[in-house]
PDB file of N, CA and C in Angstrom:
ATOM      1  N   UNK A   1      -7.761   3.834 -10.736  1.00  0.00           N
ATOM      2  CA  UNK A   1      -8.384   2.700 -10.494  1.00  0.00           C
ATOM      3  C   UNK A   1      -9.093   1.846 -11.751  1.00  0.00           C
ATOM      4  N   UNK A   2      -8.905   3.261 -12.977  1.00  0.00           N
ATOM      5  CA  UNK A   2      -9.225   2.674 -14.556  1.00  0.00           C
ATOM      6  C   UNK A   2      -8.081   1.363 -14.810  1.00  0.00           C
ATOM      7  N   UNK A   3      -6.680   1.678 -14.325  1.00  0.00           N
ATOM      8  CA  UNK A   3      -5.779   1.090 -14.789  1.00  0.00           C
ATOM      9  C   UNK A   3      -5.472  -0.545 -13.939  1.00  0.00           C
ATOM     10  N   UNK A   4      -6.144  -0.494 -12.842  1.00  0.00           N
ATOM     11  CA  UNK A   4      -6.440  -1.458 -11.920  1.00  0.00           C
ATOM     12  C   UNK A   4      -7.494  -2.618 -12.531  1.00  0.00           C
ATOM     13  N   UNK A   5      -8.459  -1.673 -13.326  1.00  0.00           N
ATOM     14  CA  UNK A   5      -9.793  -2.623 -14.005  1.00  0.00           C
ATOM     15  C   UNK A   5      -9.036  -2.508 -14.881  1.00  0.00           C
ATOM     16  N   UNK A   6      -9.112  -2.372 -15.759  1.00  0.00           N
ATOM     17  CA  UNK A   6      -8.121  -2.773 -17.418  1.00  0.00           C
ATOM     18  C   UNK A   6      -7.278  -3.842 -17.270  1.00  0.00           C
ATOM     19  N   UNK A   7      -6.002  -3.857 -16.707  1.00  0.00           N
ATOM     20  CA  UNK A   7      -5.361  -4.686 -16.469  1.00  0.00           C
ATOM     21  C   UNK A   7      -6.218  -6.229 -15.996  1.00  0.00           C
ATOM     22  N   UNK A   8      -7.283  -5.676 -15.330  1.00  0.00           N
ATOM     23  CA  UNK A   8      -8.087  -7.414 -14.447  1.00  0.00           C
ATOM     24  C   UNK A   8      -8.607  -7.761 -15.427  1.00  0.00           C
ATOM     25  N   UNK A   9      -9.528  -6.668 -15.860  1.00  0.00           N
ATOM     26  CA  UNK A   9     -10.203  -7.352 -17.581  1.00  0.00           C
ATOM     27  C   UNK A   9      -8.934  -8.077 -18.608  1.00  0.00           C
ATOM     28  N   UNK A  10      -7.920  -7.772 -18.614  1.00  0.00           N
ATOM     29  CA  UNK A  10      -7.410  -8.281 -19.463  1.00  0.00           C
ATOM     30  C   UNK A  10      -6.753  -9.282 -19.566  1.00  0.00           C
ATOM     31  N   UNK A  11      -6.636  -9.767 -17.743  1.00  0.00           N
ATOM     32  CA  UNK A  11      -5.462 -10.704 -17.897  1.00  0.00           C
ATOM     33  C   UNK A  11      -6.951 -12.215 -17.660  1.00  0.00           C
ATOM     34  N   UNK A  12      -8.381 -11.633 -17.020  1.00  0.00           N
ATOM     35  CA  UNK A  12      -9.042 -12.228 -17.313  1.00  0.00           C
ATOM     36  C   UNK A  12      -9.578 -13.092 -18.900  1.00  0.00           C
ATOM     37  N   UNK A  13      -9.480 -11.749 -19.851  1.00  0.00           N
ATOM     38  CA  UNK A  13      -9.753 -12.673 -21.074  1.00  0.00           C
ATOM     39  C   UNK A  13      -8.300 -12.793 -22.026  1.00  0.00           C
ATOM     40  N   UNK A  14      -7.136 -12.802 -21.300  1.00  0.00           N
ATOM     41  CA  UNK A  14      -6.166 -14.222 -21.792  1.00  0.00           C
ATOM     42  C   UNK A  14      -6.339 -14.878 -21.425  1.00  0.00           C
ATOM     43  N   UNK A  15      -6.828 -15.513 -20.174  1.00  0.00           N
ATOM     44  CA  UNK A  15      -7.088 -16.688 -19.435  1.00  0.00           C
ATOM     45  C   UNK A  15      -8.487 -17.190 -20.666  1.00  0.00           C
ATOM     46  N   UNK A  16      -9.593 -16.644 -20.858  1.00  0.00           N
ATOM     47  CA  UNK A  16      -9.937 -16.666 -21.939  1.00  0.00           C
ATOM     48  C   UNK A  16     -10.090 -17.174 -23.333  1.00  0.00           C
ATOM     49  N   UNK A  17      -9.750 -16.445 -23.899  1.00  0.00           N
ATOM     50  CA  UNK A  17      -8.816 -16.344 -24.979  1.00  0.00           C
ATOM     51  C   UNK A  17      -8.080 -17.863 -24.792  1.00  0.00           C
ATOM     52  N   UNK A  18      -6.649 -17.935 -23.880  1.00  0.00           N
ATOM     53  CA  UNK A  18      -6.179 -19.557 -23.482  1.00  0.00           C
ATOM     54  C   UNK A  18      -6.826 -20.495 -23.831  1.00  0.00           C
ATOM     55  N   UNK A  19      -7.837 -20.460 -23.132  1.00  0.00           N
ATOM     56  CA  UNK A  19      -8.362 -21.536 -22.698  1.00  0.00           C
ATOM     57  C   UNK A  19      -9.518 -22.233 -24.123  1.00  0.00           C
ATOM     58  N   UNK A  20      -9.986 -20.923 -24.900  1.00  0.00           N
ATOM     59  CA  UNK A  20     -10.361 -21.522 -25.441  1.00  0.00           C
ATOM     60  C   UNK A  20     -10.149 -22.212 -26.719  1.00  0.00           C
ATOM     61  N   UNK A  21      -8.439 -21.700 -26.782  1.00  0.00           N
ATOM     62  CA  UNK A  21      -6.922 -21.707 -28.210  1.00  0.00           C
ATOM     63  C   UNK A  21      -6.546 -22.438 -27.615  1.00  0.00           C
ATOM     64  N   UNK A  22      -7.137 -23.550 -26.184  1.00  0.00           N
ATOM     65  CA  UNK A  22      -5.363 -24.809 -25.974  1.00  0.00           C
ATOM     66  C   UNK A  22      -6.630 -26.184 -26.517  1.00  0.00           C
ATOM     67  N   UNK A  23      -7.375 -26.344 -26.824  1.00  0.00           N
ATOM     68  CA  UNK A  23      -7.800 -27.685 -27.498  1.00  0.00           C
ATOM     69  C   UNK A  23      -7.335 -27.900 -29.023  1.00  0.00           C
ATOM     70  N   UNK A  24      -7.904 -27.314 -28.997  1.00  0.00           N
ATOM     71  CA  UNK A  24      -6.854 -26.823 -30.644  1.00  0.00           C
ATOM     72  C   UNK A  24      -5.828 -27.643 -31.015  1.00  0.00           C
ATOM     73  N   UNK A  25      -4.948 -26.671 -29.474  1.00  0.00           N
ATOM     74  CA  UNK A  25      -3.033 -27.018 -29.913  1.00  0.00           C
ATOM     75  C   UNK A  25      -3.543 -28.457 -29.696  1.00  0.00           C
ATOM     76  N   UNK A  26      -3.496 -28.992 -28.510  1.00  0.00           N
ATOM     77  CA  UNK A  26      -3.705 -30.277 -27.822  1.00  0.00           C
ATOM     78  C   UNK A  26      -3.994 -31.368 -28.714  1.00  0.00           C
ATOM     79  N   UNK A  27      -5.236 -31.157 -29.810  1.00  0.00           N
ATOM     80  CA  UNK A  27      -6.118 -31.809 -30.753  1.00  0.00           C
ATOM     81  C   UNK A  27      -4.818 -31.926 -31.840  1.00  0.00           C
ATOM     82  N   UNK A  28      -3.697 -31.099 -32.778  1.00  0.00           N
ATOM     83  CA  UNK A  28      -2.624 -31.148 -33.456  1.00  0.00           C
ATOM     84  C   UNK A  28      -2.093 -32.796 -32.622  1.00  0.00           C
ATOM     85  N   UNK A  29      -1.785 -32.484 -31.573  1.00  0.00           N
ATOM     86  CA  UNK A  29      -1.064 -33.503 -31.268  1.00  0.00           C
ATOM     87  C   UNK A  29      -1.405 -34.755 -31.010  1.00  0.00           C
ATOM     88  N   UNK A  30      -2.268 -34.945 -31.547  1.00  0.00           N
ATOM     89  CA  UNK A  30      -3.071 -36.632 -30.758  1.00  0.00           C
ATOM     90  C   UNK A  30      -2.605 -37.340 -29.981  1.00  0.00           C
ATOM     91  N   UNK A  31      -2.916 -36.876 -28.900  1.00  0.00           N
ATOM     92  CA  UNK A  31      -2.708 -37.065 -28.098  1.00  0.00           C
ATOM     93  C   UNK A  31      -4.121 -37.880 -27.474  1.00  0.00           C
ATOM     94  N   UNK A  32      -3.474 -39.461 -26.887  1.00  0.00           N
ATOM     95  CA  UNK A  32      -5.265 -39.983 -25.907  1.00  0.00           C
ATOM     96  C   UNK A  32      -5.436 -39.105 -25.073  1.00  0.00           C
ATOM     97  N   UNK A  33      -7.509 -40.081 -25.212  1.00  0.00           N
ATOM     98  CA  UNK A  33      -8.145 -38.618 -24.584  1.00  0.00           C
ATOM     99  C   UNK A  33      -7.752 -38.364 -22.853  1.00  0.00           C
ATOM    100  N   UNK A  34      -7.083 -39.298 -22.065  1.00  0.00           N
ATOM    101  CA  UNK A  34      -7.318 -39.320 -21.017  1.00  0.00           C
ATOM    102  C   UNK A  34      -5.341 -37.591 -20.723  1.00  0.00           C
ATOM    103  N   UNK A  35      -4.630 -38.261 -21.258  1.00  0.00           N
ATOM    104  CA  UNK A  35      -3.688 -37.288 -21.620  1.00  0.00           C
ATOM    105  C   UNK A  35      -4.028 -35.896 -21.592  1.00  0.00           C
ATOM    106  N   UNK A  36      -4.459 -35.654 -22.779  1.00  0.00           N
ATOM    107  CA  UNK A  36      -4.709 -34.787 -23.381  1.00  0.00           C
ATOM    108  C   UNK A  36      -5.814 -34.126 -22.859  1.00  0.00           C
ATOM    109  N   UNK A  37      -6.803 -34.902 -21.377  1.00  0.00           N
ATOM    110  CA  UNK A  37      -7.918 -33.764 -20.784  1.00  0.00           C
ATOM    111  C   UNK A  37      -6.973 -33.562 -19.347  1.00  0.00           C
ATOM    112  N   UNK A  38      -6.139 -34.566 -19.243  1.00  0.00           N
ATOM    113  CA  UNK A  38      -5.011 -33.840 -17.683  1.00  0.00           C
ATOM    114  C   UNK A  38      -4.485 -32.743 -17.956  1.00  0.00           C
ATOM    115  N   UNK A  39      -3.544 -32.557 -19.724  1.00  0.00           N
ATOM    116  CA  UNK A  39      -2.565 -31.660 -19.852  1.00  0.00           C
ATOM    117  C   UNK A  39      -3.820 -30.267 -20.082  1.00  0.00           C
ATOM    118  N   UNK A  40      -4.427 -30.299 -20.336  1.00  0.00           N
ATOM    119  CA  UNK A  40      -5.869 -29.367 -20.154  1.00  0.00           C
ATOM    120  C   UNK A  40      -6.060 -28.131 -19.221  1.00  0.00           C
ATOM    121  N   UNK A  41      -6.069 -29.705 -18.354  1.00  0.00           N
ATOM    122  CA  UNK A  41      -6.741 -28.572 -16.665  1.00  0.00           C
ATOM    123  C   UNK A  41      -5.006 -28.616 -16.445  1.00  0.00           C
ATOM    124  N   UNK A  42      -4.545 -29.089 -16.439  1.00  0.00           N
ATOM    125  CA  UNK A  42      -2.267 -28.124 -15.999  1.00  0.00           C
ATOM    126  C   UNK A  42      -2.286 -27.108 -16.520  1.00  0.00           C
ATOM    127  N   UNK A  43      -2.422 -26.830 -17.432  1.00  0.00           N
ATOM    128  CA  UNK A  43      -2.472 -25.803 -18.385  1.00  0.00           C
ATOM    129  C   UNK A  43      -3.387 -25.008 -18.464  1.00  0.00           C
ATOM    130  N   UNK A  44      -5.033 -24.963 -18.189  1.00  0.00           N
ATOM    131  CA  UNK A  44      -5.627 -24.646 -17.062  1.00  0.00           C
ATOM    132  C   UNK A  44      -5.372 -23.237 -15.856  1.00  0.00           C
ATOM    133  N   UNK A  45      -4.704 -24.685 -15.021  1.00  0.00           N
ATOM    134  CA  UNK A  45      -4.842 -24.362 -13.928  1.00  0.00           C
ATOM    135  C   UNK A  45      -3.668 -23.980 -13.708  1.00  0.00           C
ATOM    136  N   UNK A  46      -2.550 -23.622 -14.520  1.00  0.00           N
ATOM    137  CA  UNK A  46      -1.165 -22.396 -14.907  1.00  0.00           C
ATOM    138  C   UNK A  46      -1.663 -21.386 -15.117  1.00  0.00           C
ATOM    139  N   UNK A  47      -2.614 -21.247 -16.236  1.00  0.00           N
ATOM    140  CA  UNK A  47      -3.004 -19.726 -16.634  1.00  0.00           C
ATOM    141  C   UNK A  47      -3.372 -18.885 -15.627  1.00  0.00           C
ATOM    142  N   UNK A  48      -4.293 -20.134 -15.439  1.00  0.00           N
ATOM    143  CA  UNK A  48      -5.714 -19.296 -13.705  1.00  0.00           C
ATOM    144  C   UNK A  48      -4.488 -18.418 -12.515  1.00  0.00           C
ATOM    145  N   UNK A  49      -3.680 -19.631 -12.638  1.00  0.00           N
ATOM    146  CA  UNK A  49      -2.435 -19.325 -11.103  1.00  0.00           C
ATOM    147  C   UNK A  49      -2.383 -18.149 -11.661  1.00  0.00           C
ATOM    148  N   UNK A  50      -1.588 -18.322 -13.422  1.00  0.00           N
ATOM    149  CA  UNK A  50      -0.955 -16.825 -12.929  1.00  0.00           C
ATOM    150  C   UNK A  50      -1.789 -15.545 -13.521  1.00  0.00           C
ATOM    151  N   UNK A  51      -2.985 -16.032 -13.665  1.00  0.00           N
ATOM    152  CA  UNK A  51      -3.695 -14.334 -13.809  1.00  0.00           C
ATOM    153  C   UNK A  51      -4.301 -13.418 -12.249  1.00  0.00           C
ATOM    154  N   UNK A  52      -4.380 -15.107 -11.497  1.00  0.00           N
ATOM    155  CA  UNK A  52      -4.958 -14.849 -10.036  1.00  0.00           C
ATOM    156  C   UNK A  52      -3.859 -13.994  -9.565  1.00  0.00           C
ATOM    157  N   UNK A  53      -2.780 -14.476  -9.397  1.00  0.00           N
ATOM    158  CA  UNK A  53      -1.133 -13.896  -8.999  1.00  0.00           C
ATOM    159  C   UNK A  53      -1.033 -12.781  -9.535  1.00  0.00           C
ATOM    160  N   UNK A  54      -1.313 -12.224 -10.732  1.00  0.00           N
ATOM    161  CA  UNK A  54      -1.450 -10.834 -11.532  1.00  0.00           C
ATOM    162  C   UNK A  54      -2.287 -10.114 -10.827  1.00  0.00           C
ATOM    163  N   UNK A  55      -3.487 -10.830 -10.647  1.00  0.00           N
ATOM    164  CA  UNK A  55      -4.649  -9.199  -9.745  1.00  0.00           C
ATOM    165  C   UNK A  55      -3.958  -9.050  -8.682  1.00  0.00           C
ATOM    166  N   UNK A  56      -4.421 -10.139  -7.452  1.00  0.00           N
ATOM    167  CA  UNK A  56      -3.232 -10.325  -6.316  1.00  0.00           C
ATOM    168  C   UNK A  56      -2.757  -9.354  -6.057  1.00  0.00           C
ATOM    169  N   UNK A  57      -1.309  -9.058  -6.742  1.00  0.00           N
ATOM    170  CA  UNK A  57      -0.235  -7.688  -7.378  1.00  0.00           C
ATOM    171  C   UNK A  57      -1.296  -6.768  -7.655  1.00  0.00           C
ATOM    172  N   UNK A  58      -2.126  -6.713  -7.973  1.00  0.00           N
ATOM    173  CA  UNK A  58      -2.784  -5.239  -8.850  1.00  0.00           C
ATOM    174  C   UNK A  58      -3.282  -4.692  -7.567  1.00  0.00           C
ATOM    175  N   UNK A  59      -4.157  -5.663  -6.665  1.00  0.00           N
ATOM    176  CA  UNK A  59      -4.642  -5.352  -5.411  1.00  0.00           C
ATOM    177  C   UNK A  59      -3.612  -5.247  -4.577  1.00  0.00           C
ATOM    178  N   UNK A  60      -2.880  -5.720  -3.993  1.00  0.00           N
ATOM    179  CA  UNK A  60      -1.759  -4.913  -2.547  1.00  0.00           C
ATOM    180  C   UNK A  60      -1.423  -3.877  -3.436  1.00  0.00           C
ATOM    181  N   UNK A  61      -0.773  -3.667  -4.482  1.00  0.00           N
ATOM    182  CA  UNK A  61      -0.924  -1.947  -5.045  1.00  0.00           C
ATOM    183  C   UNK A  61      -0.985  -0.724  -4.937  1.00  0.00           C
ATOM    184  N   UNK A  62      -2.406  -1.149  -5.357  1.00  0.00           N
ATOM    185  CA  UNK A  62      -3.710  -0.651  -5.031  1.00  0.00           C
ATOM    186  C   UNK A  62      -3.538  -0.136  -3.584  1.00  0.00           C
ATOM    187  N   UNK A  63      -3.495  -1.670  -2.473  1.00  0.00           N
ATOM    188  CA  UNK A  63      -3.888  -1.466  -1.607  1.00  0.00           C
ATOM    189  C   UNK A  63      -2.411  -0.335  -0.513  1.00  0.00           C
ATOM    190  N   UNK A  64      -1.197  -1.021  -1.353  1.00  0.00           N
ATOM    191  CA  UNK A  64      -0.093  -0.548  -0.303  1.00  0.00           C
ATOM    192  C   UNK A  64      -0.474   1.041  -1.255  1.00  0.00           C
ATOM    193  N   UNK A  65      -0.552   1.771  -2.170  1.00  0.00           N
ATOM    194  CA  UNK A  65      -0.713   3.165  -2.312  1.00  0.00           C
ATOM    195  C   UNK A  65      -1.916   3.547  -1.614  1.00  0.00           C
ATOM    196  N   UNK A  66      -3.215   2.809  -1.285  1.00  0.00           N
ATOM    197  CA  UNK A  66      -4.406   3.497  -0.614  1.00  0.00           C
ATOM    198  C   UNK A  66      -4.006   3.672   0.807  1.00  0.00           C
ATOM    199  N   UNK A  67      -2.746   2.612   0.951  1.00  0.00           N
ATOM    200  CA  UNK A  67      -2.781   3.242   2.348  1.00  0.00           C
ATOM    201  C   UNK A  67      -1.180   4.402   2.889  1.00  0.00           C
ATOM    202  N   UNK A  68      -0.422   4.288   1.867  1.00  0.00           N
ATOM    203  CA  UNK A  68       0.306   5.573   1.759  1.00  0.00           C
ATOM    204  C   UNK A  68      -0.447   6.918   1.736  1.00  0.00           C
ATOM    205  N   UNK A  69      -1.063   6.794   0.806  1.00  0.00           N
ATOM    206  CA  UNK A  69      -1.470   8.262   0.770  1.00  0.00           C
ATOM    207  C   UNK A  69      -2.758   8.811   2.064  1.00  0.00           C
ATOM    208  N   UNK A  70      -2.828   7.354   2.472  1.00  0.00           N
ATOM    209  CA  UNK A  70      -4.066   8.288   3.639  1.00  0.00           C
ATOM    210  C   UNK A  70      -3.032   7.989   4.732  1.00  0.00           C
ATOM    211  N   UNK A  71      -2.090   7.807   5.064  1.00  0.00           N
ATOM    212  CA  UNK A  71      -0.530   7.581   6.117  1.00  0.00           C
ATOM    213  C   UNK A  71      -0.670   9.325   6.134  1.00  0.00           C
ATOM    214  N   UNK A  72      -0.029  10.219   4.497  1.00  0.00           N
ATOM    215  CA  UNK A  72       0.113  10.771   4.172  1.00  0.00           C
ATOM    216  C   UNK A  72      -0.284  11.455   4.735  1.00  0.00           C
ATOM    217  N   UNK A  73      -1.535  11.833   4.750  1.00  0.00           N
ATOM    218  CA  UNK A  73      -2.664  12.669   4.476  1.00  0.00           C
ATOM    219  C   UNK A  73      -3.030  12.593   5.948  1.00  0.00           C
ATOM    220  N   UNK A  74      -3.286  11.819   6.649  1.00  0.00           N
ATOM    221  CA  UNK A  74      -3.213  11.963   8.474  1.00  0.00           C
ATOM    222  C   UNK A  74      -2.545  12.247   9.137  1.00  0.00           C
ATOM    223  N   UNK A  75      -1.239  12.178   8.434  1.00  0.00           N
ATOM    224  CA  UNK A  75       0.339  12.738   9.243  1.00  0.00           C
ATOM    225  C   UNK A  75      -0.124  14.405  10.433  1.00  0.00           C
ATOM    226  N   UNK A  76       0.019  15.175   9.702  1.00  0.00           N
ATOM    227  CA  UNK A  76      -0.752  16.458  10.035  1.00  0.00           C
ATOM    228  C   UNK A  76      -1.031  16.716  11.515  1.00  0.00           C
ATOM    229  N   UNK A  77      -2.936  15.788  10.989  1.00  0.00           N
ATOM    230  CA  UNK A  77      -3.424  16.117  11.770  1.00  0.00           C
ATOM    231  C   UNK A  77      -3.075  14.763  13.084  1.00  0.00           C
ATOM    232  N   UNK A  78      -2.184  13.679  12.741  1.00  0.00           N
ATOM    233  CA  UNK A  78      -1.350  12.752  14.052  1.00  0.00           C
ATOM    234  C   UNK A  78      -0.519  14.417  14.943  1.00  0.00           C
ATOM    235  N   UNK A  79       0.293  14.404  13.894  1.00  0.00           N
ATOM    236  CA  UNK A  79       1.261  16.012  14.799  1.00  0.00           C
ATOM    237  C   UNK A  79       0.546  16.871  15.561  1.00  0.00           C
ATOM    238  N   UNK A  80      -0.439  17.410  15.038  1.00  0.00           N
ATOM    239  CA  UNK A  80      -1.585  18.425  15.601  1.00  0.00           C
ATOM    240  C   UNK A  80      -1.886  18.072  17.643  1.00  0.00           C
ATOM    241  N   UNK A  81      -1.906  16.777  17.220  1.00  0.00           N
ATOM    242  CA  UNK A  81      -2.447  15.648  18.212  1.00  0.00           C
ATOM    243  C   UNK A  81      -1.095  16.215  19.169  1.00  0.00           C
ATOM    244  N   UNK A  82      -0.311  15.216  18.787  1.00  0.00           N
ATOM    245  CA  UNK A  82       0.805  14.701  19.485  1.00  0.00           C
ATOM    246  C   UNK A  82       1.136  16.654  20.115  1.00  0.00           C
ATOM    247  N   UNK A  83       1.544  17.374  19.435  1.00  0.00           N
ATOM    248  CA  UNK A  83       1.720  18.687  20.230  1.00  0.00           C
ATOM    249  C   UNK A  83       0.413  19.253  20.860  1.00  0.00           C
ATOM    250  N   UNK A  84      -0.302  18.896  20.524  1.00  0.00           N
ATOM    251  CA  UNK A  84      -1.555  19.692  22.193  1.00  0.00           C
ATOM    252  C   UNK A  84      -1.192  18.133  23.313  1.00  0.00           C
ATOM    253  N   UNK A  85      -0.653  16.603  23.156  1.00  0.00           N
ATOM    254  CA  UNK A  85      -0.540  16.036  24.250  1.00  0.00           C
ATOM    255  C   UNK A  85       0.335  17.113  24.844  1.00  0.00           C
ATOM    256  N   UNK A  86       1.228  17.196  24.026  1.00  0.00           N
ATOM    257  CA  UNK A  86       2.706  17.254  24.891  1.00  0.00           C
ATOM    258  C   UNK A  86       2.755  18.930  25.420  1.00  0.00           C
ATOM    259  N   UNK A  87       1.656  19.632  24.929  1.00  0.00           N
ATOM    260  CA  UNK A  87       1.027  21.032  26.018  1.00  0.00           C
ATOM    261  C   UNK A  87       0.912  20.446  26.870  1.00  0.00           C
ATOM    262  N   UNK A  88      -0.271  19.834  27.070  1.00  0.00           N
ATOM    263  CA  UNK A  88      -1.187  19.294  28.216  1.00  0.00           C
ATOM    264  C   UNK A  88      -0.194  19.023  29.475  1.00  0.00           C
ATOM    265  N   UNK A  89       0.491  17.822  28.613  1.00  0.00           N
ATOM    266  CA  UNK A  89       1.255  17.517  30.346  1.00  0.00           C
ATOM    267  C   UNK A  89       2.507  18.516  29.891  1.00  0.00           C
ATOM    268  N   UNK A  90       3.188  19.277  29.630  1.00  0.00           N
ATOM    269  CA  UNK A  90       3.982  20.206  29.738  1.00  0.00           C
ATOM    270  C   UNK A  90       3.780  21.580  29.398  1.00  0.00           C
ATOM    271  N   UNK A  91       2.977  21.875  30.447  1.00  0.00           N
ATOM    272  CA  UNK A  91       2.495  23.520  30.322  1.00  0.00           C
ATOM    273  C   UNK A  91       3.320  24.518  30.183  1.00  0.00           C
ATOM    274  N   UNK A  92       2.809  25.675  29.342  1.00  0.00           N
ATOM    275  CA  UNK A  92       4.155  26.933  29.379  1.00  0.00           C
ATOM    276  C   UNK A  92       4.943  27.204  30.343  1.00  0.00           C
ATOM    277  N   UNK A  93       5.864  27.599  30.866  1.00  0.00           N
ATOM    278  CA  UNK A  93       6.597  28.117  31.544  1.00  0.00           C
ATOM    279  C   UNK A  93       6.787  29.618  32.359  1.00  0.00           C
ATOM    280  N   UNK A  94       6.414  30.446  33.126  1.00  0.00           N
ATOM    281  CA  UNK A  94       5.972  31.973  32.548  1.00  0.00           C
ATOM    282  C   UNK A  94       7.677  32.552  32.816  1.00  0.00           C
ATOM    283  N   UNK A  95       7.630  32.846  31.980  1.00  0.00           N
ATOM    284  CA  UNK A  95       8.201  33.851  31.474  1.00  0.00           C
ATOM    285  C   UNK A  95       9.221  34.517  33.530  1.00  0.00           C
ATOM    286  N   UNK A  96      10.432  34.674  32.762  1.00  0.00           N
ATOM    287  CA  UNK A  96      11.353  34.597  34.665  1.00  0.00           C
ATOM    288  C   UNK A  96      11.298  36.228  34.889  1.00  0.00           C
ATOM    289  N   UNK A  97      10.890  36.447  36.158  1.00  0.00           N
ATOM    290  CA  UNK A  97      10.393  38.200  35.614  1.00  0.00           C
ATOM    291  C   UNK A  97      11.861  38.844  35.860  1.00  0.00           C
ATOM    292  N   UNK A  98      11.879  40.217  34.982  1.00  0.00           N
ATOM    293  CA  UNK A  98      13.044  40.655  34.882  1.00  0.00           C
ATOM    294  C   UNK A  98      13.927  41.434  36.063  1.00  0.00           C
ATOM    295  N   UNK A  99      14.738  40.902  36.250  1.00  0.00           N
ATOM    296  CA  UNK A  99      15.302  41.882  37.774  1.00  0.00           C
ATOM    297  C   UNK A  99      16.392  42.671  38.126  1.00  0.00           C
ATOM    298  N   UNK A 100      16.500  43.694  38.343  1.00  0.00           N
ATOM    299  CA  UNK A 100      16.685  45.351  38.503  1.00  0.00           C
ATOM    300  C   UNK A 100      18.123  45.195  38.610  1.00  0.00           C
ATOM    301  N   UNK A 101      17.936  46.500  37.629  1.00  0.00           N
ATOM    302  CA  UNK A 101      19.790  46.770  37.514  1.00  0.00           C
ATOM    303  C   UNK A 101      20.806  46.549  37.929  1.00  0.00           C
ATOM    304  N   UNK A 102      21.690  46.527  38.404  1.00  0.00           N
ATOM    305  CA  UNK A 102      22.434  46.733  39.865  1.00  0.00           C
ATOM    306  C   UNK A 102      23.327  47.793  39.752  1.00  0.00           C
ATOM    307  N   UNK A 103      23.275  48.823  41.076  1.00  0.00           N
ATOM    308  CA  UNK A 103      23.793  50.127  41.347  1.00  0.00           C
ATOM    309  C   UNK A 103      24.877  49.277  41.781  1.00  0.00           C
ATOM    310  N   UNK A 104      26.157  50.618  40.596  1.00  0.00           N
ATOM    311  CA  UNK A 104      27.057  50.302  41.248  1.00  0.00           C
ATOM    312  C   UNK A 104      27.563  50.627  42.104  1.00  0.00           C
ATOM    313  N   UNK A 105      26.812  52.069  42.710  1.00  0.00           N
ATOM    314  CA  UNK A 105      27.149  52.785  43.774  1.00  0.00           C
ATOM    315  C   UNK A 105      26.881  51.482  45.321  1.00  0.00           C
ATOM    316  N   UNK A 106      25.931  50.653  44.929  1.00  0.00           N
ATOM    317  CA  UNK A 106      25.392  49.842  46.082  1.00  0.00           C
ATOM    318  C   UNK A 106      27.019  49.007  46.865  1.00  0.00           C
ATOM    319  N   UNK A 107      27.067  48.501  48.040  1.00  0.00           N
ATOM    320  CA  UNK A 107      28.159  47.650  48.374  1.00  0.00           C
ATOM    321  C   UNK A 107      27.729  46.174  48.639  1.00  0.00           C
ATOM    322  N   UNK A 108      28.255  45.692  47.619  1.00  0.00           N
ATOM    323  CA  UNK A 108      27.947  44.028  47.857  1.00  0.00           C
ATOM    324  C   UNK A 108      28.067  43.100  48.707  1.00  0.00           C
ATOM    325  N   UNK A 109      28.864  43.318  49.297  1.00  0.00           N
ATOM    326  CA  UNK A 109      29.204  42.706  51.152  1.00  0.00           C
ATOM    327  C   UNK A 109      28.096  42.906  52.082  1.00  0.00           C
ATOM    328  N   UNK A 110      27.091  43.871  51.271  1.00  0.00           N
ATOM    329  CA  UNK A 110      26.147  44.081  52.666  1.00  0.00           C
ATOM    330  C   UNK A 110      25.714  42.364  52.148  1.00  0.00           C
TER     331      UNK A 110
END
């Protein structure tokens, strides 16, 4: 969780630093007010989109990891419930009764 928070705050801070440095870069090219403003907005939109995609990927990875941990942790309970259900539907049969050994003197034709 600490790593996710660090990466997310780093992404947000990189957008803030980029947004504060971008006007100086734009002014160095001496564009018109309209084109400079439009470039600033488009560049800022790109930076925010990249940071949002990165944070979304972090959230998806965290959710996937949490789902994996929960599914692995729940597996023994699921198997036990499945075994109990199967045993309830098919109770174990009684073992067959042992037969008396055959008497070799007995006539089998009877």
